Amino acid sequence: MNKEGNDERGDKILGRAGMVGFLSFLLGYNLIFLANILLELTSMQYTFSLACLLALVLLSYSSSIFILRKKY
Protein backbone atom coordinates (compact mmCIF):
# COMPACT_ATOMS: atom_id res chain seq x y z
CA MET A 1 0.00 0.00 0.00
CA ASN A 2 2.89 2.38 0.64
CA LYS A 3 4.08 1.97 -2.94
CA GLU A 4 0.68 2.69 -4.47
CA GLY A 5 -0.32 6.03 -2.96
CA ASN A 6 2.37 8.30 -4.38
CA ASP A 7 0.88 9.30 -7.76
CA GLU A 8 -2.44 9.59 -9.59
CA ARG A 9 -2.30 5.95 -10.66
CA GLY A 10 -1.86 4.84 -7.05
CA ASP A 11 -4.66 7.10 -5.85
CA LYS A 12 -6.97 5.63 -8.49
CA ILE A 13 -6.05 2.07 -7.52
CA LEU A 14 -6.51 2.67 -3.79
CA GLY A 15 -9.79 4.52 -4.37
CA ARG A 16 -11.30 1.72 -6.41
CA ALA A 17 -9.99 -0.92 -4.02
CA GLY A 18 -11.53 1.00 -1.13
CA MET A 19 -14.89 1.04 -2.89
CA VAL A 20 -14.68 -2.72 -3.45
CA GLY A 21 -13.82 -3.29 0.19
CA PHE A 22 -16.64 -1.03 1.37
CA LEU A 23 -19.20 -2.74 -0.86
CA SER A 24 -18.09 -6.18 0.29
CA PHE A 25 -18.49 -4.99 3.90
CA LEU A 26 -22.02 -3.69 3.26
CA LEU A 27 -23.09 -6.84 1.45
CA GLY A 28 -21.55 -9.16 4.04
CA TYR A 29 -22.94 -7.28 7.02
CA ASN A 30 -26.44 -7.25 5.52
CA LEU A 31 -26.24 -11.01 4.99
CA ILE A 32 -25.11 -11.53 8.59
CA PHE A 33 -27.87 -9.24 9.84
CA LEU A 34 -30.54 -11.15 7.90
CA ALA A 35 -29.12 -14.51 9.00
CA ASN A 36 -29.22 -13.34 12.60
CA ILE A 37 -32.87 -12.35 12.27
CA LEU A 38 -33.98 -15.48 10.43
CA LEU A 39 -31.83 -18.12 12.14
CA GLU A 40 -31.24 -16.47 15.54
CA LEU A 41 -27.49 -17.05 15.68
CA THR A 42 -25.79 -17.76 18.98
CA SER A 43 -23.17 -15.33 20.21
CA MET A 44 -20.37 -17.66 19.11
CA GLN A 45 -21.86 -18.01 15.61
CA TYR A 46 -22.34 -14.26 15.35
CA THR A 47 -18.75 -13.60 16.43
CA PHE A 48 -17.45 -16.15 13.93
CA SER A 49 -19.51 -14.61 11.13
CA LEU A 50 -18.09 -11.16 11.93
CA ALA A 51 -14.57 -12.62 11.83
CA CYS A 52 -15.36 -14.11 8.43
CA LEU A 53 -16.66 -10.71 7.34
CA LEU A 54 -13.36 -9.12 8.34
CA ALA A 55 -11.48 -11.74 6.33
CA LEU A 56 -13.78 -11.11 3.33
CA VAL A 57 -13.18 -7.37 3.44
CA LEU A 58 -9.40 -7.75 3.75
CA LEU A 59 -9.23 -10.31 0.97
CA SER A 60 -11.41 -8.26 -1.37
CA TYR A 61 -9.35 -5.12 -0.70
CA SER A 62 -6.00 -6.79 -1.24
CA SER A 63 -7.12 -8.79 -4.27
CA SER A 64 -8.62 -5.72 -5.91
CA ILE A 65 -5.31 -3.87 -5.42
CA PHE A 66 -3.49 -6.81 -6.97
CA ILE A 67 -5.85 -6.95 -9.96
CA LEU A 68 -5.94 -3.20 -10.49
CA ARG A 69 -2.12 -2.99 -10.39
CA LYS A 70 -2.04 -5.24 -13.44
CA LYS A 71 -4.87 -3.34 -15.15
CA TYR A 72 -3.39 0.15 -14.73
C-alpha atoms as a PDB file:
ATOM      1  CA  MET A   1       0.000   0.000   0.000  1.00  0.00           C
ATOM      2  CA  ASN A   2       2.888   2.379   0.643  1.00  0.00           C
ATOM      3  CA  LYS A   3       4.079   1.967  -2.940  1.00  0.00           C
ATOM      4  CA  GLU A   4       0.676   2.687  -4.469  1.00  0.00           C
ATOM      5  CA  GLY A   5      -0.322   6.029  -2.962  1.00  0.00           C
ATOM      6  CA  ASN A   6       2.371   8.304  -4.385  1.00  0.00           C
ATOM      7  CA  ASP A   7       0.884   9.305  -7.757  1.00  0.00           C
ATOM      8  CA  GLU A   8      -2.440   9.589  -9.593  1.00  0.00           C
ATOM      9  CA  ARG A   9      -2.297   5.952 -10.659  1.00  0.00           C
ATOM     10  CA  GLY A  10      -1.858   4.843  -7.048  1.00  0.00           C
ATOM     11  CA  ASP A  11      -4.659   7.105  -5.852  1.00  0.00           C
ATOM     12  CA  LYS A  12      -6.970   5.633  -8.489  1.00  0.00           C
ATOM     13  CA  ILE A  13      -6.045   2.066  -7.520  1.00  0.00           C
ATOM     14  CA  LEU A  14      -6.507   2.672  -3.786  1.00  0.00           C
ATOM     15  CA  GLY A  15      -9.787   4.518  -4.366  1.00  0.00           C
ATOM     16  CA  ARG A  16     -11.296   1.718  -6.406  1.00  0.00           C
ATOM     17  CA  ALA A  17      -9.993  -0.920  -4.022  1.00  0.00           C
ATOM     18  CA  GLY A  18     -11.530   1.005  -1.127  1.00  0.00           C
ATOM     19  CA  MET A  19     -14.889   1.045  -2.893  1.00  0.00           C
ATOM     20  CA  VAL A  20     -14.684  -2.720  -3.451  1.00  0.00           C
ATOM     21  CA  GLY A  21     -13.816  -3.294   0.194  1.00  0.00           C
ATOM     22  CA  PHE A  22     -16.636  -1.033   1.372  1.00  0.00           C
ATOM     23  CA  LEU A  23     -19.205  -2.737  -0.865  1.00  0.00           C
ATOM     24  CA  SER A  24     -18.088  -6.176   0.295  1.00  0.00           C
ATOM     25  CA  PHE A  25     -18.494  -4.990   3.903  1.00  0.00           C
ATOM     26  CA  LEU A  26     -22.016  -3.691   3.255  1.00  0.00           C
ATOM     27  CA  LEU A  27     -23.094  -6.844   1.452  1.00  0.00           C
ATOM     28  CA  GLY A  28     -21.549  -9.164   4.036  1.00  0.00           C
ATOM     29  CA  TYR A  29     -22.943  -7.281   7.022  1.00  0.00           C
ATOM     30  CA  ASN A  30     -26.443  -7.253   5.521  1.00  0.00           C
ATOM     31  CA  LEU A  31     -26.241 -11.010   4.988  1.00  0.00           C
ATOM     32  CA  ILE A  32     -25.109 -11.531   8.590  1.00  0.00           C
ATOM     33  CA  PHE A  33     -27.869  -9.236   9.835  1.00  0.00           C
ATOM     34  CA  LEU A  34     -30.539 -11.155   7.900  1.00  0.00           C
ATOM     35  CA  ALA A  35     -29.124 -14.510   9.002  1.00  0.00           C
ATOM     36  CA  ASN A  36     -29.224 -13.340  12.602  1.00  0.00           C
ATOM     37  CA  ILE A  37     -32.872 -12.346  12.272  1.00  0.00           C
ATOM     38  CA  LEU A  38     -33.976 -15.478  10.429  1.00  0.00           C
ATOM     39  CA  LEU A  39     -31.827 -18.120  12.140  1.00  0.00           C
ATOM     40  CA  GLU A  40     -31.244 -16.473  15.538  1.00  0.00           C
ATOM     41  CA  LEU A  41     -27.493 -17.046  15.681  1.00  0.00           C
ATOM     42  CA  THR A  42     -25.795 -17.756  18.978  1.00  0.00           C
ATOM     43  CA  SER A  43     -23.168 -15.330  20.214  1.00  0.00           C
ATOM     44  CA  MET A  44     -20.374 -17.663  19.107  1.00  0.00           C
ATOM     45  CA  GLN A  45     -21.855 -18.013  15.610  1.00  0.00           C
ATOM     46  CA  TYR A  46     -22.341 -14.259  15.353  1.00  0.00           C
ATOM     47  CA  THR A  47     -18.749 -13.604  16.429  1.00  0.00           C
ATOM     48  CA  PHE A  48     -17.451 -16.149  13.928  1.00  0.00           C
ATOM     49  CA  SER A  49     -19.513 -14.610  11.130  1.00  0.00           C
ATOM     50  CA  LEU A  50     -18.089 -11.165  11.933  1.00  0.00           C
ATOM     51  CA  ALA A  51     -14.566 -12.625  11.832  1.00  0.00           C
ATOM     52  CA  CYS A  52     -15.357 -14.112   8.431  1.00  0.00           C
ATOM     53  CA  LEU A  53     -16.657 -10.714   7.342  1.00  0.00           C
ATOM     54  CA  LEU A  54     -13.361  -9.117   8.336  1.00  0.00           C
ATOM     55  CA  ALA A  55     -11.484 -11.739   6.328  1.00  0.00           C
ATOM     56  CA  LEU A  56     -13.782 -11.114   3.331  1.00  0.00           C
ATOM     57  CA  VAL A  57     -13.179  -7.365   3.439  1.00  0.00           C
ATOM     58  CA  LEU A  58      -9.404  -7.748   3.754  1.00  0.00           C
ATOM     59  CA  LEU A  59      -9.235 -10.311   0.970  1.00  0.00           C
ATOM     60  CA  SER A  60     -11.414  -8.264  -1.370  1.00  0.00           C
ATOM     61  CA  TYR A  61      -9.350  -5.123  -0.702  1.00  0.00           C
ATOM     62  CA  SER A  62      -5.996  -6.786  -1.242  1.00  0.00           C
ATOM     63  CA  SER A  63      -7.118  -8.789  -4.266  1.00  0.00           C
ATOM     64  CA  SER A  64      -8.623  -5.723  -5.910  1.00  0.00           C
ATOM     65  CA  ILE A  65      -5.314  -3.868  -5.420  1.00  0.00           C
ATOM     66  CA  PHE A  66      -3.486  -6.812  -6.966  1.00  0.00           C
ATOM     67  CA  ILE A  67      -5.854  -6.952  -9.957  1.00  0.00           C
ATOM     68  CA  LEU A  68      -5.939  -3.199 -10.495  1.00  0.00           C
ATOM     69  CA  ARG A  69      -2.123  -2.986 -10.395  1.00  0.00           C
ATOM     70  CA  LYS A  70      -2.039  -5.243 -13.438  1.00  0.00           C
ATOM     71  CA  LYS A  71      -4.867  -3.338 -15.150  1.00  0.00           C
ATOM     72  CA  TYR A  72      -3.390   0.146 -14.727  1.00  0.00           C
END
